[in-house]
Amino acid sequence: MADSAQFDVFADELLDERSERPLVIVGASKIDDLLFDILKAFLLPKRAKPKEDDELIAGDKPLATFSAKIKACYRLALIDDTLCQALEKLRAMRNLSAHSIAFDLSKSPLRDHFSEFRKNVMHRKSFDLTKQRYFQKTALNGVEELQCLLLTVCVLLEAVRERTVTTIGNPETLLIASR
């Protein structure tokens, strides 16, 4: 229940934002956190000491970057190909928003990344459900559409996170390795 309340607070804060750049940065940050949570839930427990960062997915470790988390979630079959593609486009938009002075989703290359992100999210039933829940009108303006797309991805990943169970590994290879 606490997770649901925390998500509602995040959604309200995202909906209060009216500028594209902070929407992309905040949305991507939340999605990065959700990917971390999904991987943490799926992977075997860390071997590091309790107070230490996870030796695989935190800090400057191999799967700590947004890009690595996206790829790992896809390769571990935790997300599908179109969601992976959408996340890669969001990552590209996030990087441009953080490293470019000019930020305009109507101009290339951002326009192209946004178009692909939109294409890979908007066709989902979850987009329509998110739109119905958070927006009371049929036509969304540009900022509202971006908000709805980001919330849709967050809702999807939140659902994935809730249903992710720790892997049991491959019993056959574990048996071989234990010999």
Foldseek 3Di string as FASTA:
>chain_A
DVVVVVLVVLLVVLVVDDDDLVNLQSLLVLLLVLLLLLCCQAEDHAPDPPVDDRQDADDPHDQPDQLSSLVVCDVVVLDDDLLSLLSVLSVVLNVCSVPDPDHDCVDPPNVVSVVSNCVSQVVDPLLVVLCVVPPDDDDDPPSVSSSSSSSSSSVVSVVSSVPHHYDPPDVVVVVVVVD
